[in-house]
Amino acid sequence: MVQLINSLTDGFLLGFVYGLAAMGLSLIWGVMTVINLAHGPVITVGMLTTYLLFIHLGLNPYLGMLVVAGVGLGLGLVIYVVAVHRVISAPHLSSLLATFAVNMIMLGIFNAVFGGDQNNVDYSLGSLSLGFLNVTYSRLLAALGAVLFTAFLYLFLYFTRPGKAIRAVANNREAAELMGIPSAQVLALSFGLGSLLAAVAGSLIATIFPFTIFSGGPYELKSFVICVLGGLGNPLGALLGGLALGLMEGLIPIWMPTSWVPVVEFALFVFVLVVKPTGLLGAK
């Protein structure tokens, strides 16, 4: 029972970070119906930026998240202008191939510059013990950081003029343009925000686990599972899906080997697609 409670607590806290990563993917789909296959490398950019700032500048990894957020936003804008903008109105296969090409280019650059070695942000804060419950502060702060950025996204989308423009374009792009909203700039901002969330999620993951340049890939796949579970295009659904996946990852290793975790996750992915393809909070 003690192991079960500790595992579920760890999974629950990690689920917030998973939800934040998936939220970026969900936002991009919800606004422009683009499946971003460059999501994984953007997560890796967050990891690498945090690592480099910590190793070379000694910057606290949690303060470095502000820099990571700026890097993620800028990178998203560049990817949109270079690769996505030209195929935004083309069939979905075009945007898939464009973002996949960006994925391969970024992985090639990472491999040439950093190699495939494992990296680790060695910044330990100890753990919090409450009776039989033992939680590391790194997971607590990662969950708190994910909640803060989720709150930022909500406030931005609902209480700022650019955020309302994003929601208008997501609802009906043609009508938004008739009302004078510059959809091209709004789409670029949306892609930038989605990349910002992915990079920050990568930064938070780097404070918990070691990583390589290829570590963003598995989290990209988890993001797809989460988006389908929560409802593709719904950021709040992504957060709920992330919590559900985190709890599953805390629960499964108690009864099965850890290698079975991705098997169960993708079985759930297929099950949701067959039984309830709109997910928990997705539109009909």
C-alpha atoms as a PDB file:
ATOM      1  CA  MET A   1       0.000   0.000   0.000  1.00  0.00           C
ATOM      2  CA  VAL A   2       2.857   2.407   0.813  1.00  0.00           C
ATOM      3  CA  GLN A   3       4.497   1.679  -2.531  1.00  0.00           C
ATOM      4  CA  LEU A   4       1.169   2.185  -4.290  1.00  0.00           C
ATOM      5  CA  ILE A   5       0.549   5.588  -2.704  1.00  0.00           C
ATOM      6  CA  ASN A   6       4.086   6.817  -3.417  1.00  0.00           C
ATOM      7  CA  SER A   7       3.959   5.593  -7.016  1.00  0.00           C
ATOM      8  CA  LEU A   8       0.583   7.222  -7.628  1.00  0.00           C
ATOM      9  CA  THR A   9       1.809  10.489  -6.092  1.00  0.00           C
ATOM     10  CA  ASP A  10       4.916  10.520  -8.292  1.00  0.00           C
ATOM     11  CA  GLY A  11       2.821   9.698 -11.359  1.00  0.00           C
ATOM     12  CA  PHE A  12       0.264  12.367 -10.517  1.00  0.00           C
ATOM     13  CA  LEU A  13       2.927  15.085 -10.199  1.00  0.00           C
ATOM     14  CA  LEU A  14       4.620  13.952 -13.411  1.00  0.00           C
ATOM     15  CA  GLY A  15       1.228  14.036 -15.120  1.00  0.00           C
ATOM     16  CA  PHE A  16       1.135  17.832 -14.833  1.00  0.00           C
ATOM     17  CA  VAL A  17       4.351  18.031 -16.882  1.00  0.00           C
ATOM     18  CA  TYR A  18       3.002  15.549 -19.432  1.00  0.00           C
ATOM     19  CA  GLY A  19      -0.134  17.647 -19.690  1.00  0.00           C
ATOM     20  CA  LEU A  20       1.894  20.811 -20.295  1.00  0.00           C
ATOM     21  CA  ALA A  21       3.833  19.126 -23.112  1.00  0.00           C
ATOM     22  CA  ALA A  22       0.624  17.862 -24.715  1.00  0.00           C
ATOM     23  CA  MET A  23      -1.036  21.254 -24.302  1.00  0.00           C
ATOM     24  CA  GLY A  24       1.336  22.757 -26.873  1.00  0.00           C
ATOM     25  CA  LEU A  25       0.488  20.050 -29.387  1.00  0.00           C
ATOM     26  CA  SER A  26      -3.226  20.430 -28.684  1.00  0.00           C
ATOM     27  CA  LEU A  27      -3.140  24.221 -29.018  1.00  0.00           C
ATOM     28  CA  ILE A  28      -1.483  24.052 -32.437  1.00  0.00           C
ATOM     29  CA  TRP A  29      -4.022  21.500 -33.669  1.00  0.00           C
ATOM     30  CA  GLY A  30      -6.970  23.388 -32.210  1.00  0.00           C
ATOM     31  CA  VAL A  31      -6.049  26.663 -33.912  1.00  0.00           C
ATOM     32  CA  MET A  32      -4.644  25.571 -37.276  1.00  0.00           C
ATOM     33  CA  THR A  33      -5.365  21.808 -37.570  1.00  0.00           C
ATOM     34  CA  VAL A  34      -1.671  21.038 -38.022  1.00  0.00           C
ATOM     35  CA  ILE A  35      -0.158  17.894 -36.489  1.00  0.00           C
ATOM     36  CA  ASN A  36       3.280  19.066 -35.404  1.00  0.00           C
ATOM     37  CA  LEU A  37       5.803  16.247 -35.805  1.00  0.00           C
ATOM     38  CA  ALA A  38       8.577  18.650 -34.722  1.00  0.00           C
ATOM     39  CA  HIS A  39       7.091  18.648 -31.214  1.00  0.00           C
ATOM     40  CA  GLY A  40       9.649  16.162 -29.851  1.00  0.00           C
ATOM     41  CA  PRO A  41      12.768  18.105 -30.911  1.00  0.00           C
ATOM     42  CA  VAL A  42      11.257  21.293 -29.448  1.00  0.00           C
ATOM     43  CA  ILE A  43      10.917  19.457 -26.121  1.00  0.00           C
ATOM     44  CA  THR A  44      14.580  18.467 -26.499  1.00  0.00           C
ATOM     45  CA  VAL A  45      15.485  22.124 -27.105  1.00  0.00           C
ATOM     46  CA  GLY A  46      13.980  22.920 -23.700  1.00  0.00           C
ATOM     47  CA  MET A  47      16.058  20.176 -22.108  1.00  0.00           C
ATOM     48  CA  LEU A  48      19.294  21.253 -23.813  1.00  0.00           C
ATOM     49  CA  THR A  49      18.780  24.955 -23.089  1.00  0.00           C
ATOM     50  CA  THR A  50      18.232  24.252 -19.393  1.00  0.00           C
ATOM     51  CA  TYR A  51      21.292  21.997 -19.312  1.00  0.00           C
ATOM     52  CA  LEU A  52      23.575  24.488 -21.082  1.00  0.00           C
ATOM     53  CA  LEU A  53      22.445  27.414 -18.937  1.00  0.00           C
ATOM     54  CA  PHE A  54      23.043  25.368 -15.801  1.00  0.00           C
ATOM     55  CA  ILE A  55      26.411  23.894 -16.828  1.00  0.00           C
ATOM     56  CA  HIS A  56      28.005  26.953 -18.464  1.00  0.00           C
ATOM     57  CA  LEU A  57      26.351  29.863 -16.664  1.00  0.00           C
ATOM     58  CA  GLY A  58      25.375  28.239 -13.391  1.00  0.00           C
ATOM     59  CA  LEU A  59      21.811  29.492 -13.817  1.00  0.00           C
ATOM     60  CA  ASN A  60      19.202  27.937 -11.555  1.00  0.00           C
ATOM     61  CA  PRO A  61      17.195  25.595 -13.834  1.00  0.00           C
ATOM     62  CA  TYR A  62      13.890  26.943 -12.529  1.00  0.00           C
ATOM     63  CA  LEU A  63      14.890  30.535 -13.263  1.00  0.00           C
ATOM     64  CA  GLY A  64      16.233  29.353 -16.599  1.00  0.00           C
ATOM     65  CA  MET A  65      12.688  28.372 -17.587  1.00  0.00           C
ATOM     66  CA  LEU A  66      12.040  32.018 -18.433  1.00  0.00           C
ATOM     67  CA  VAL A  67      14.894  31.905 -20.945  1.00  0.00           C
ATOM     68  CA  VAL A  68      13.648  28.545 -22.216  1.00  0.00           C
ATOM     69  CA  ALA A  69      10.181  30.040 -22.733  1.00  0.00           C
ATOM     70  CA  GLY A  70      11.670  32.806 -24.895  1.00  0.00           C
ATOM     71  CA  VAL A  71      13.740  30.304 -26.882  1.00  0.00           C
ATOM     72  CA  GLY A  72      10.699  28.074 -27.427  1.00  0.00           C
ATOM     73  CA  LEU A  73       8.559  30.985 -28.593  1.00  0.00           C
ATOM     74  CA  GLY A  74      11.230  32.197 -31.019  1.00  0.00           C
ATOM     75  CA  LEU A  75      11.878  28.704 -32.345  1.00  0.00           C
ATOM     76  CA  GLY A  76       8.160  28.147 -32.907  1.00  0.00           C
ATOM     77  CA  LEU A  77       7.875  31.379 -34.877  1.00  0.00           C
ATOM     78  CA  VAL A  78      10.850  30.372 -37.054  1.00  0.00           C
ATOM     79  CA  ILE A  79       9.431  26.883 -37.717  1.00  0.00           C
ATOM     80  CA  TYR A  80       6.068  28.366 -38.624  1.00  0.00           C
ATOM     81  CA  VAL A  81       7.497  30.954 -41.046  1.00  0.00           C
ATOM     82  CA  VAL A  82       9.958  28.570 -42.698  1.00  0.00           C
ATOM     83  CA  ALA A  83       7.974  25.330 -42.912  1.00  0.00           C
ATOM     84  CA  VAL A  84       4.342  25.563 -41.807  1.00  0.00           C
ATOM     85  CA  HIS A  85       3.049  28.837 -43.241  1.00  0.00           C
ATOM     86  CA  ARG A  86       3.510  27.658 -46.814  1.00  0.00           C
ATOM     87  CA  VAL A  87       1.403  24.514 -46.307  1.00  0.00           C
ATOM     88  CA  ILE A  88      -1.169  25.784 -43.801  1.00  0.00           C
ATOM     89  CA  SER A  89      -4.036  25.461 -46.294  1.00  0.00           C
ATOM     90  CA  ALA A  90      -2.724  22.335 -48.011  1.00  0.00           C
ATOM     91  CA  PRO A  91      -3.888  18.763 -47.184  1.00  0.00           C
ATOM     92  CA  HIS A  92      -2.803  17.443 -43.779  1.00  0.00           C
ATOM     93  CA  LEU A  93      -0.148  15.233 -45.363  1.00  0.00           C
ATOM     94  CA  SER A  94       1.756  18.347 -46.494  1.00  0.00           C
ATOM     95  CA  SER A  95       2.008  19.769 -42.973  1.00  0.00           C
ATOM     96  CA  LEU A  96       2.919  16.318 -41.637  1.00  0.00           C
ATOM     97  CA  LEU A  97       5.793  16.031 -44.104  1.00  0.00           C
ATOM     98  CA  ALA A  98       6.911  19.620 -43.497  1.00  0.00           C
ATOM     99  CA  THR A  99       7.066  19.251 -39.710  1.00  0.00           C
ATOM    100  CA  PHE A 100       8.635  15.785 -40.042  1.00  0.00           C
ATOM    101  CA  ALA A 101      11.364  17.351 -42.193  1.00  0.00           C
ATOM    102  CA  VAL A 102      11.955  19.950 -39.459  1.00  0.00           C
ATOM    103  CA  ASN A 103      12.104  17.092 -36.952  1.00  0.00           C
ATOM    104  CA  MET A 104      14.857  15.313 -38.909  1.00  0.00           C
ATOM    105  CA  ILE A 105      16.813  18.530 -39.514  1.00  0.00           C
ATOM    106  CA  MET A 106      16.788  19.411 -35.807  1.00  0.00           C
ATOM    107  CA  LEU A 107      17.808  15.897 -34.753  1.00  0.00           C
ATOM    108  CA  GLY A 108      20.658  15.977 -37.269  1.00  0.00           C
ATOM    109  CA  ILE A 109      21.881  19.313 -35.897  1.00  0.00           C
ATOM    110  CA  PHE A 110      21.628  18.048 -32.297  1.00  0.00           C
ATOM    111  CA  ASN A 111      23.588  14.915 -33.186  1.00  0.00           C
ATOM    112  CA  ALA A 112      26.308  16.884 -34.950  1.00  0.00           C
ATOM    113  CA  VAL A 113      26.694  19.434 -32.153  1.00  0.00           C
ATOM    114  CA  PHE A 114      25.980  17.485 -28.955  1.00  0.00           C
ATOM    115  CA  GLY A 115      26.323  13.812 -29.898  1.00  0.00           C
ATOM    116  CA  GLY A 116      24.232  11.064 -28.354  1.00  0.00           C
ATOM    117  CA  ASP A 117      25.627  11.229 -24.816  1.00  0.00           C
ATOM    118  CA  GLN A 118      23.345  11.270 -21.814  1.00  0.00           C
ATOM    119  CA  ASN A 119      23.093  14.619 -20.040  1.00  0.00           C
ATOM    120  CA  ASN A 120      21.944  15.377 -16.537  1.00  0.00           C
ATOM    121  CA  VAL A 121      21.003  18.612 -14.745  1.00  0.00           C
ATOM    122  CA  ASP A 122      22.598  17.765 -11.410  1.00  0.00           C
ATOM    123  CA  TYR A 123      20.514  20.052  -9.221  1.00  0.00           C
ATOM    124  CA  SER A 124      19.150  18.112  -6.273  1.00  0.00           C
ATOM    125  CA  LEU A 125      16.754  19.683  -3.781  1.00  0.00           C
ATOM    126  CA  GLY A 126      16.195  16.644  -1.616  1.00  0.00           C
ATOM    127  CA  SER A 127      12.826  15.186  -0.778  1.00  0.00           C
ATOM    128  CA  LEU A 128       9.811  15.862   1.383  1.00  0.00           C
ATOM    129  CA  SER A 129       8.763  13.158   3.839  1.00  0.00           C
ATOM    130  CA  LEU A 130       5.259  13.116   5.278  1.00  0.00           C
ATOM    131  CA  GLY A 131       4.996   9.899   7.250  1.00  0.00           C
ATOM    132  CA  PHE A 132       5.228   7.075   4.725  1.00  0.00           C
ATOM    133  CA  LEU A 133       4.848   9.504   1.787  1.00  0.00           C
ATOM    134  CA  ASN A 134       8.150  10.533   0.215  1.00  0.00           C
ATOM    135  CA  VAL A 135       8.149  13.058  -2.663  1.00  0.00           C
ATOM    136  CA  THR A 136      11.138  14.735  -4.271  1.00  0.00           C
ATOM    137  CA  TYR A 137      11.073  18.527  -4.375  1.00  0.00           C
ATOM    138  CA  SER A 138      12.085  18.415  -8.053  1.00  0.00           C
ATOM    139  CA  ARG A 139       8.780  16.713  -8.936  1.00  0.00           C
ATOM    140  CA  LEU A 140       6.826  19.102  -6.735  1.00  0.00           C
ATOM    141  CA  LEU A 141       8.426  22.145  -8.379  1.00  0.00           C
ATOM    142  CA  ALA A 142       7.996  20.640 -11.850  1.00  0.00           C
ATOM    143  CA  ALA A 143       4.273  20.138 -11.167  1.00  0.00           C
ATOM    144  CA  LEU A 144       4.016  23.681  -9.784  1.00  0.00           C
ATOM    145  CA  GLY A 145       5.796  25.084 -12.844  1.00  0.00           C
ATOM    146  CA  ALA A 146       3.412  23.204 -15.144  1.00  0.00           C
ATOM    147  CA  VAL A 147       0.412  24.582 -13.235  1.00  0.00           C
ATOM    148  CA  LEU A 148       1.765  28.142 -13.441  1.00  0.00           C
ATOM    149  CA  PHE A 149       2.304  27.958 -17.200  1.00  0.00           C
ATOM    150  CA  THR A 150      -1.130  26.398 -17.636  1.00  0.00           C
ATOM    151  CA  ALA A 151      -2.618  29.311 -15.700  1.00  0.00           C
ATOM    152  CA  PHE A 152      -0.610  31.705 -17.874  1.00  0.00           C
ATOM    153  CA  LEU A 153      -2.044  30.127 -21.017  1.00  0.00           C
ATOM    154  CA  TYR A 154      -5.601  30.347 -19.678  1.00  0.00           C
ATOM    155  CA  LEU A 155      -5.243  33.999 -18.653  1.00  0.00           C
ATOM    156  CA  PHE A 156      -3.590  34.856 -21.968  1.00  0.00           C
ATOM    157  CA  LEU A 157      -6.286  33.182 -24.081  1.00  0.00           C
ATOM    158  CA  TYR A 158      -9.250  34.597 -22.182  1.00  0.00           C
ATOM    159  CA  PHE A 159      -8.143  38.015 -20.915  1.00  0.00           C
ATOM    160  CA  THR A 160      -5.815  39.495 -23.547  1.00  0.00           C
ATOM    161  CA  ARG A 161      -6.570  40.843 -27.001  1.00  0.00           C
ATOM    162  CA  PRO A 162      -4.112  38.499 -28.803  1.00  0.00           C
ATOM    163  CA  GLY A 163      -5.530  35.554 -26.844  1.00  0.00           C
ATOM    164  CA  LYS A 164      -9.080  36.407 -27.876  1.00  0.00           C
ATOM    165  CA  ALA A 165      -7.862  36.716 -31.464  1.00  0.00           C
ATOM    166  CA  ILE A 166      -6.395  33.197 -31.239  1.00  0.00           C
ATOM    167  CA  ARG A 167      -9.733  31.846 -29.999  1.00  0.00           C
ATOM    168  CA  ALA A 168     -11.577  33.679 -32.775  1.00  0.00           C
ATOM    169  CA  VAL A 169      -9.311  32.270 -35.480  1.00  0.00           C
ATOM    170  CA  ALA A 170      -9.604  28.777 -33.968  1.00  0.00           C
ATOM    171  CA  ASN A 171     -13.396  29.065 -34.052  1.00  0.00           C
ATOM    172  CA  ASN A 172     -13.738  30.480 -37.592  1.00  0.00           C
ATOM    173  CA  ARG A 173     -10.722  31.801 -39.468  1.00  0.00           C
ATOM    174  CA  GLU A 174     -12.667  33.349 -42.354  1.00  0.00           C
ATOM    175  CA  ALA A 175     -15.064  35.196 -40.058  1.00  0.00           C
ATOM    176  CA  ALA A 176     -12.151  36.421 -37.921  1.00  0.00           C
ATOM    177  CA  GLU A 177     -10.444  37.833 -41.005  1.00  0.00           C
ATOM    178  CA  LEU A 178     -13.652  39.642 -41.982  1.00  0.00           C
ATOM    179  CA  MET A 179     -13.608  41.250 -38.521  1.00  0.00           C
ATOM    180  CA  GLY A 180     -10.094  42.599 -39.199  1.00  0.00           C
ATOM    181  CA  ILE A 181      -8.064  39.981 -37.299  1.00  0.00           C
ATOM    182  CA  PRO A 182      -4.746  39.275 -39.108  1.00  0.00           C
ATOM    183  CA  SER A 183      -4.930  35.488 -39.190  1.00  0.00           C
ATOM    184  CA  ALA A 184      -1.360  34.985 -40.457  1.00  0.00           C
ATOM    185  CA  GLN A 185       0.121  36.720 -37.391  1.00  0.00           C
ATOM    186  CA  VAL A 186      -2.311  34.935 -35.087  1.00  0.00           C
ATOM    187  CA  LEU A 187      -1.390  31.528 -36.497  1.00  0.00           C
ATOM    188  CA  ALA A 188       2.304  32.307 -36.094  1.00  0.00           C
ATOM    189  CA  LEU A 189       1.719  33.353 -32.481  1.00  0.00           C
ATOM    190  CA  SER A 190      -0.272  30.166 -31.823  1.00  0.00           C
ATOM    191  CA  PHE A 191       2.519  27.986 -33.167  1.00  0.00           C
ATOM    192  CA  GLY A 192       5.011  29.964 -31.094  1.00  0.00           C
ATOM    193  CA  LEU A 193       2.945  29.479 -27.930  1.00  0.00           C
ATOM    194  CA  GLY A 194       2.616  25.758 -28.594  1.00  0.00           C
ATOM    195  CA  SER A 195       6.392  25.496 -28.975  1.00  0.00           C
ATOM    196  CA  LEU A 196       6.881  27.595 -25.829  1.00  0.00           C
ATOM    197  CA  LEU A 197       4.815  25.127 -23.803  1.00  0.00           C
ATOM    198  CA  ALA A 198       6.704  22.162 -25.277  1.00  0.00           C
ATOM    199  CA  ALA A 199      10.102  23.719 -24.518  1.00  0.00           C
ATOM    200  CA  VAL A 200       9.123  24.571 -20.927  1.00  0.00           C
ATOM    201  CA  ALA A 201       7.856  21.014 -20.441  1.00  0.00           C
ATOM    202  CA  GLY A 202      11.241  19.775 -21.684  1.00  0.00           C
ATOM    203  CA  SER A 203      12.971  22.083 -19.215  1.00  0.00           C
ATOM    204  CA  LEU A 204      10.910  20.675 -16.340  1.00  0.00           C
ATOM    205  CA  ILE A 205      11.562  17.091 -17.450  1.00  0.00           C
ATOM    206  CA  ALA A 206      15.316  17.795 -17.497  1.00  0.00           C
ATOM    207  CA  THR A 207      15.189  18.669 -13.786  1.00  0.00           C
ATOM    208  CA  ILE A 208      13.764  15.199 -13.047  1.00  0.00           C
ATOM    209  CA  PHE A 209      15.331  12.740 -15.508  1.00  0.00           C
ATOM    210  CA  PRO A 210      18.602  12.424 -17.462  1.00  0.00           C
ATOM    211  CA  PHE A 211      18.147  12.894 -21.197  1.00  0.00           C
ATOM    212  CA  THR A 212      19.751  12.567 -24.625  1.00  0.00           C
ATOM    213  CA  ILE A 213      19.084  14.457 -27.843  1.00  0.00           C
ATOM    214  CA  PHE A 214      16.508  11.787 -28.724  1.00  0.00           C
ATOM    215  CA  SER A 215      14.559  12.018 -25.459  1.00  0.00           C
ATOM    216  CA  GLY A 216      11.949  14.376 -26.886  1.00  0.00           C
ATOM    217  CA  GLY A 217      10.605  11.627 -29.172  1.00  0.00           C
ATOM    218  CA  PRO A 218       8.975   9.464 -26.477  1.00  0.00           C
ATOM    219  CA  TYR A 219       7.387  12.537 -24.908  1.00  0.00           C
ATOM    220  CA  GLU A 220       6.008  13.528 -28.301  1.00  0.00           C
ATOM    221  CA  LEU A 221       4.347  10.117 -28.554  1.00  0.00           C
ATOM    222  CA  LYS A 222       2.973  10.485 -25.024  1.00  0.00           C
ATOM    223  CA  SER A 223       1.599  13.881 -26.065  1.00  0.00           C
ATOM    224  CA  PHE A 224      -0.354  12.260 -28.902  1.00  0.00           C
ATOM    225  CA  VAL A 225      -1.850   9.713 -26.491  1.00  0.00           C
ATOM    226  CA  ILE A 226      -2.732  12.492 -24.027  1.00  0.00           C
ATOM    227  CA  CYS A 227      -4.313  14.700 -26.699  1.00  0.00           C
ATOM    228  CA  VAL A 228      -6.519  11.867 -27.933  1.00  0.00           C
ATOM    229  CA  LEU A 229      -7.436  10.918 -24.365  1.00  0.00           C
ATOM    230  CA  GLY A 230      -8.299  14.479 -23.335  1.00  0.00           C
ATOM    231  CA  GLY A 231      -9.757  15.619 -26.653  1.00  0.00           C
ATOM    232  CA  LEU A 232      -7.601  16.860 -29.508  1.00  0.00           C
ATOM    233  CA  GLY A 233      -7.651  20.655 -29.687  1.00  0.00           C
ATOM    234  CA  ASN A 234      -8.689  21.184 -26.054  1.00  0.00           C
ATOM    235  CA  PRO A 235      -5.798  22.433 -23.819  1.00  0.00           C
ATOM    236  CA  LEU A 236      -7.708  21.682 -20.602  1.00  0.00           C
ATOM    237  CA  GLY A 237      -8.391  18.182 -21.879  1.00  0.00           C
ATOM    238  CA  ALA A 238      -4.653  17.793 -22.486  1.00  0.00           C
ATOM    239  CA  LEU A 239      -3.972  18.597 -18.839  1.00  0.00           C
ATOM    240  CA  LEU A 240      -6.555  16.053 -17.654  1.00  0.00           C
ATOM    241  CA  GLY A 241      -5.179  13.492 -20.100  1.00  0.00           C
ATOM    242  CA  GLY A 242      -1.672  14.132 -18.794  1.00  0.00           C
ATOM    243  CA  LEU A 243      -2.791  13.510 -15.217  1.00  0.00           C
ATOM    244  CA  ALA A 244      -4.511  10.284 -16.274  1.00  0.00           C
ATOM    245  CA  LEU A 245      -1.404   9.076 -18.107  1.00  0.00           C
ATOM    246  CA  GLY A 246       0.833  10.012 -15.178  1.00  0.00           C
ATOM    247  CA  LEU A 247      -1.356   8.024 -12.770  1.00  0.00           C
ATOM    248  CA  MET A 248      -1.225   5.067 -15.155  1.00  0.00           C
ATOM    249  CA  GLU A 249       2.575   5.230 -15.273  1.00  0.00           C
ATOM    250  CA  GLY A 250       2.636   5.249 -11.480  1.00  0.00           C
ATOM    251  CA  LEU A 251       0.232   2.321 -11.239  1.00  0.00           C
ATOM    252  CA  ILE A 252       1.354  -0.084 -13.985  1.00  0.00           C
ATOM    253  CA  PRO A 253       4.926  -0.838 -12.727  1.00  0.00           C
ATOM    254  CA  ILE A 254       3.500  -2.125  -9.435  1.00  0.00           C
ATOM    255  CA  TRP A 255       1.985  -5.154 -11.193  1.00  0.00           C
ATOM    256  CA  MET A 256       3.926  -5.313 -14.471  1.00  0.00           C
ATOM    257  CA  PRO A 257       7.510  -4.769 -15.647  1.00  0.00           C
ATOM    258  CA  THR A 258       8.244  -1.164 -16.642  1.00  0.00           C
ATOM    259  CA  SER A 259       8.710  -2.268 -20.260  1.00  0.00           C
ATOM    260  CA  TRP A 260       4.943  -2.851 -20.429  1.00  0.00           C
ATOM    261  CA  VAL A 261       4.126   0.812 -19.770  1.00  0.00           C
ATOM    262  CA  PRO A 262       4.217   1.981 -23.440  1.00  0.00           C
ATOM    263  CA  VAL A 263       2.269  -1.140 -24.483  1.00  0.00           C
ATOM    264  CA  VAL A 264      -0.579  -0.280 -22.124  1.00  0.00           C
ATOM    265  CA  GLU A 265      -0.440   3.419 -23.059  1.00  0.00           C
ATOM    266  CA  PHE A 266      -0.843   2.780 -26.769  1.00  0.00           C
ATOM    267  CA  ALA A 267      -3.468   0.112 -26.159  1.00  0.00           C
ATOM    268  CA  LEU A 268      -5.376   2.866 -24.354  1.00  0.00           C
ATOM    269  CA  PHE A 269      -4.706   5.144 -27.347  1.00  0.00           C
ATOM    270  CA  VAL A 270      -6.343   2.669 -29.736  1.00  0.00           C
ATOM    271  CA  PHE A 271      -9.190   1.961 -27.303  1.00  0.00           C
ATOM    272  CA  VAL A 272     -10.088   5.652 -26.989  1.00  0.00           C
ATOM    273  CA  LEU A 273      -9.931   6.131 -30.769  1.00  0.00           C
ATOM    274  CA  VAL A 274     -12.360   3.245 -31.254  1.00  0.00           C
ATOM    275  CA  VAL A 275     -14.763   3.839 -28.359  1.00  0.00           C
ATOM    276  CA  LYS A 276     -14.714   7.614 -27.825  1.00  0.00           C
ATOM    277  CA  PRO A 277     -12.575   9.356 -30.473  1.00  0.00           C
ATOM    278  CA  THR A 278     -13.540  12.821 -29.184  1.00  0.00           C
ATOM    279  CA  GLY A 279     -11.785  12.093 -25.882  1.00  0.00           C
ATOM    280  CA  LEU A 280     -12.827  13.440 -22.476  1.00  0.00           C
ATOM    281  CA  LEU A 281     -13.436  17.063 -23.469  1.00  0.00           C
ATOM    282  CA  GLY A 282     -13.160  17.072 -27.243  1.00  0.00           C
ATOM    283  CA  ALA A 283     -15.731  18.639 -29.549  1.00  0.00           C
ATOM    284  CA  LYS A 284     -18.222  16.374 -31.264  1.00  0.00           C
END
